[in-house]
Amino acid sequence: MPRQIVVSISPEGEVEVRVEGQSGPSCQDLTRKLEEALGTTVTDRRTPEFHQPDQQGHRQRTGR
């Protein structure tokens, strides 16, 4: 699976940023600038793939 960043915006304005196709902590590097531009992070939810060696997986982060 190719790496991609998926951004979802709820009707209430909450933004969820999810990385697919990349596991491990390096997924944070892929979303850092986008997260900074979006503002304050409310929740940082690390998926099981985050704790795997850098390869495939995803991480979810939500904020407003």
C-alpha atoms as a PDB file:
ATOM      1  CA  MET A   1       0.000   0.000   0.000  1.00  0.00           C
ATOM      2  CA  PRO A   2       1.431   3.413  -0.890  1.00  0.00           C
ATOM      3  CA  ARG A   3       1.771   5.950   1.910  1.00  0.00           C
ATOM      4  CA  GLN A   4      -1.000   8.482   2.105  1.00  0.00           C
ATOM      5  CA  ILE A   5      -2.300  11.049   4.550  1.00  0.00           C
ATOM      6  CA  VAL A   6      -6.067  10.975   5.013  1.00  0.00           C
ATOM      7  CA  VAL A   7      -7.729  14.104   6.436  1.00  0.00           C
ATOM      8  CA  SER A   8     -11.344  13.979   7.634  1.00  0.00           C
ATOM      9  CA  ILE A   9     -13.340  16.978   8.865  1.00  0.00           C
ATOM     10  CA  SER A  10     -16.498  16.403  10.917  1.00  0.00           C
ATOM     11  CA  PRO A  11     -19.559  18.679  10.720  1.00  0.00           C
ATOM     12  CA  GLU A  12     -18.474  20.049  14.126  1.00  0.00           C
ATOM     13  CA  GLY A  13     -15.116  21.103  12.683  1.00  0.00           C
ATOM     14  CA  GLU A  14     -12.986  18.366  14.253  1.00  0.00           C
ATOM     15  CA  VAL A  15     -10.130  17.327  12.004  1.00  0.00           C
ATOM     16  CA  GLU A  16      -8.697  13.808  11.947  1.00  0.00           C
ATOM     17  CA  VAL A  17      -5.349  13.156  10.295  1.00  0.00           C
ATOM     18  CA  ARG A  18      -4.515   9.517   9.589  1.00  0.00           C
ATOM     19  CA  VAL A  19      -1.474   7.992   7.921  1.00  0.00           C
ATOM     20  CA  GLU A  20      -1.938   4.826   5.901  1.00  0.00           C
ATOM     21  CA  GLY A  21       0.830   2.693   4.463  1.00  0.00           C
ATOM     22  CA  GLN A  22       3.472   3.634   7.056  1.00  0.00           C
ATOM     23  CA  SER A  23       4.029   2.092  10.466  1.00  0.00           C
ATOM     24  CA  GLY A  24       6.255   3.126  13.313  1.00  0.00           C
ATOM     25  CA  PRO A  25       7.018   6.567  14.703  1.00  0.00           C
ATOM     26  CA  SER A  26       8.149   7.901  11.308  1.00  0.00           C
ATOM     27  CA  CYS A  27       4.481   8.496  10.463  1.00  0.00           C
ATOM     28  CA  GLN A  28       4.699  11.518  12.793  1.00  0.00           C
ATOM     29  CA  ASP A  29       7.247  13.070  10.451  1.00  0.00           C
ATOM     30  CA  LEU A  30       4.782  12.755   7.563  1.00  0.00           C
ATOM     31  CA  THR A  31       2.074  14.764   9.333  1.00  0.00           C
ATOM     32  CA  ARG A  32       4.049  17.209  11.496  1.00  0.00           C
ATOM     33  CA  LYS A  33       3.753  20.311   9.272  1.00  0.00           C
ATOM     34  CA  LEU A  34       0.091  19.636   8.527  1.00  0.00           C
ATOM     35  CA  GLU A  35      -0.679  19.254  12.239  1.00  0.00           C
ATOM     36  CA  GLU A  36       1.164  22.492  13.031  1.00  0.00           C
ATOM     37  CA  ALA A  37      -0.855  24.322  10.374  1.00  0.00           C
ATOM     38  CA  LEU A  38      -4.146  22.932  11.715  1.00  0.00           C
ATOM     39  CA  GLY A  39      -3.545  24.142  15.274  1.00  0.00           C
ATOM     40  CA  THR A  40      -3.874  22.506  18.677  1.00  0.00           C
ATOM     41  CA  THR A  41      -3.970  18.726  18.915  1.00  0.00           C
ATOM     42  CA  VAL A  42      -6.804  17.538  21.151  1.00  0.00           C
ATOM     43  CA  THR A  43      -6.187  13.778  20.941  1.00  0.00           C
ATOM     44  CA  ASP A  44      -3.200  11.760  19.747  1.00  0.00           C
ATOM     45  CA  ARG A  45      -4.323   8.159  19.330  1.00  0.00           C
ATOM     46  CA  ARG A  46      -1.593   5.747  18.333  1.00  0.00           C
ATOM     47  CA  THR A  47      -2.719   2.623  16.550  1.00  0.00           C
ATOM     48  CA  PRO A  48      -1.095  -0.791  17.020  1.00  0.00           C
ATOM     49  CA  GLU A  49       0.783  -0.164  13.762  1.00  0.00           C
ATOM     50  CA  PHE A  50       2.533   2.799  15.379  1.00  0.00           C
ATOM     51  CA  HIS A  51       4.336   0.387  17.692  1.00  0.00           C
ATOM     52  CA  GLN A  52       5.573  -1.794  14.819  1.00  0.00           C
ATOM     53  CA  PRO A  53       8.872  -1.268  13.015  1.00  0.00           C
ATOM     54  CA  ASP A  54       8.746   1.486  10.368  1.00  0.00           C
ATOM     55  CA  GLN A  55       6.969  -0.074   7.373  1.00  0.00           C
ATOM     56  CA  GLN A  56       3.196  -0.198   6.860  1.00  0.00           C
ATOM     57  CA  GLY A  57       0.334   0.961   9.064  1.00  0.00           C
ATOM     58  CA  HIS A  58      -1.236   4.193  10.296  1.00  0.00           C
ATOM     59  CA  ARG A  59      -1.607   6.631  13.145  1.00  0.00           C
ATOM     60  CA  GLN A  60      -4.566   8.822  13.935  1.00  0.00           C
ATOM     61  CA  ARG A  61      -4.550  12.310  15.358  1.00  0.00           C
ATOM     62  CA  THR A  62      -7.577  14.497  15.963  1.00  0.00           C
ATOM     63  CA  GLY A  63      -7.862  18.163  16.739  1.00  0.00           C
ATOM     64  CA  ARG A  64      -9.777  21.370  16.131  1.00  0.00           C
END
